Amino acid sequence: MKDCLFCKICKKEIPSEIVYEDKFIVAFKDIDPKAKVHILFVPKKHIQTIDHLDLGDEKLIGALIFAAQKIARKKGISENGYRLVFNVKKYGGQIVDHIHLHLLGGQKLKGIV
């Protein structure tokens, strides 16, 4: 998508503090962190929301989760725990219309559910 902020970050048109990248995913520090560790995992393929997933996107979503697990271990937050969050659409708290997985940790997080 031409004007998508996350697509521009994936293409390195907008600078970001990238902490992980592979063929399908870019992960970078959130510019407005809600925890000591707050990293966004973004597929390079533009998909607007979880609600817009197609059959065949299962591997991509799984890859996001495994990349988050890898970085949680690398950042040393795996032992005490962390949170993974997908926000979906406006009422779900999604601000950028491009699927992204939040990794939050490095501190005790308040329960929300």
Protein backbone atom coordinates (compact mmCIF):
# COMPACT_ATOMS: atom_id res chain seq x y z
CA MET A 1 0.00 0.00 0.00
CA LYS A 2 1.47 3.32 -1.12
CA ASP A 3 0.93 5.49 1.97
CA CYS A 4 1.14 2.81 4.67
CA LEU A 5 3.55 3.82 7.44
CA PHE A 6 4.58 0.23 8.18
CA CYS A 7 5.09 -0.59 4.49
CA LYS A 8 7.44 2.41 4.31
CA ILE A 9 9.34 1.18 7.37
CA CYS A 10 9.61 -2.30 5.81
CA LYS A 11 11.03 -0.73 2.64
CA LYS A 12 13.37 1.41 4.78
CA GLU A 13 11.85 4.60 3.40
CA ILE A 14 11.28 5.73 7.00
CA PRO A 15 14.02 5.18 9.58
CA SER A 16 13.28 2.90 12.49
CA GLU A 17 15.23 1.01 15.13
CA ILE A 18 15.01 -2.46 13.58
CA VAL A 19 15.70 -5.34 15.96
CA TYR A 20 14.82 -8.26 13.65
CA GLU A 21 14.34 -8.87 9.97
CA ASP A 22 13.92 -11.87 7.73
CA LYS A 23 12.39 -12.55 4.34
CA PHE A 24 8.82 -11.98 5.57
CA ILE A 25 8.99 -9.82 8.73
CA VAL A 26 10.48 -6.62 10.08
CA ALA A 27 10.48 -5.93 13.83
CA PHE A 28 11.26 -2.55 15.33
CA LYS A 29 10.99 -0.66 18.61
CA ASP A 30 7.67 1.11 19.15
CA ILE A 31 8.10 4.90 19.11
CA ASP A 32 5.57 5.22 21.97
CA PRO A 33 6.46 2.27 24.23
CA LYS A 34 3.95 0.98 26.75
CA ALA A 35 6.53 -1.22 28.52
CA LYS A 36 10.30 -1.37 28.99
CA VAL A 37 10.39 -3.68 25.96
CA HIS A 38 7.85 -2.81 23.27
CA ILE A 39 8.58 -4.16 19.82
CA LEU A 40 6.29 -4.34 16.78
CA PHE A 41 6.45 -7.33 14.42
CA VAL A 42 5.18 -6.42 10.97
CA PRO A 43 4.76 -8.63 7.93
CA LYS A 44 6.35 -7.20 4.79
CA LYS A 45 3.16 -8.20 2.96
CA HIS A 46 0.52 -5.53 3.48
CA ILE A 47 -2.54 -6.94 5.21
CA GLN A 48 -4.85 -4.33 6.70
CA THR A 49 -6.13 -6.20 9.79
CA ILE A 50 -6.48 -9.69 11.23
CA ASP A 51 -10.00 -9.53 9.78
CA HIS A 52 -8.43 -9.33 6.28
CA LEU A 53 -6.39 -12.54 6.53
CA ASP A 54 -6.76 -15.06 3.72
CA LEU A 55 -6.26 -18.80 3.70
CA GLY A 56 -2.54 -19.25 3.26
CA ASP A 57 -1.64 -16.46 5.70
CA GLU A 58 -1.43 -18.94 8.59
CA LYS A 59 2.31 -19.44 8.11
CA LEU A 60 2.91 -15.70 8.08
CA ILE A 61 1.02 -15.19 11.34
CA GLY A 62 2.87 -18.14 12.88
CA ALA A 63 6.16 -16.60 11.72
CA LEU A 64 5.28 -13.35 13.53
CA ILE A 65 4.71 -15.26 16.77
CA PHE A 66 7.90 -17.30 16.48
CA ALA A 67 9.92 -14.16 15.68
CA ALA A 68 8.47 -12.50 18.80
CA GLN A 69 9.39 -15.57 20.87
CA LYS A 70 12.95 -15.42 19.52
CA ILE A 71 13.36 -11.73 20.36
CA ALA A 72 11.75 -12.17 23.80
CA ARG A 73 14.41 -14.77 24.57
CA LYS A 74 17.16 -12.58 23.11
CA LYS A 75 16.02 -9.58 25.20
CA GLY A 76 15.97 -11.72 28.36
CA ILE A 77 12.26 -11.27 29.08
CA SER A 78 11.16 -14.82 28.35
CA GLU A 79 11.87 -16.22 31.80
CA ASN A 80 9.57 -13.81 33.67
CA GLY A 81 7.00 -13.54 30.89
CA TYR A 82 5.73 -11.14 28.28
CA ARG A 83 2.60 -10.21 26.37
CA LEU A 84 1.78 -10.60 22.67
CA VAL A 85 -1.09 -8.47 21.32
CA PHE A 86 -2.86 -8.00 18.01
CA ASN A 87 -5.17 -4.98 17.99
CA VAL A 88 -7.91 -5.28 15.37
CA LYS A 89 -9.62 -2.26 13.82
CA LYS A 90 -10.59 0.99 15.53
CA TYR A 91 -12.54 -0.41 18.49
CA GLY A 92 -9.78 -2.95 19.12
CA GLY A 93 -7.20 -0.18 19.39
CA GLN A 94 -5.51 -0.59 16.00
CA ILE A 95 -3.99 2.73 14.92
CA VAL A 96 -2.01 1.74 11.80
CA ASP A 97 -3.96 -0.23 9.19
CA HIS A 98 -1.31 -2.92 8.72
CA ILE A 99 -1.25 -6.08 10.83
CA HIS A 100 1.31 -5.86 13.59
CA LEU A 101 2.06 -7.91 16.66
CA HIS A 102 3.08 -6.12 19.85
CA LEU A 103 5.70 -7.73 22.11
CA LEU A 104 5.57 -6.13 25.58
CA GLY A 105 7.67 -7.06 28.57
CA GLY A 106 10.63 -6.29 30.76
CA GLN A 107 8.35 -5.44 33.67
CA LYS A 108 5.27 -6.78 35.43
CA LEU A 109 2.28 -5.95 33.23
CA LYS A 110 -1.18 -5.27 34.58
CA GLY A 111 -3.86 -7.76 33.61
CA ILE A 112 -6.38 -6.51 31.08
CA VAL A 113 -8.59 -9.56 30.63
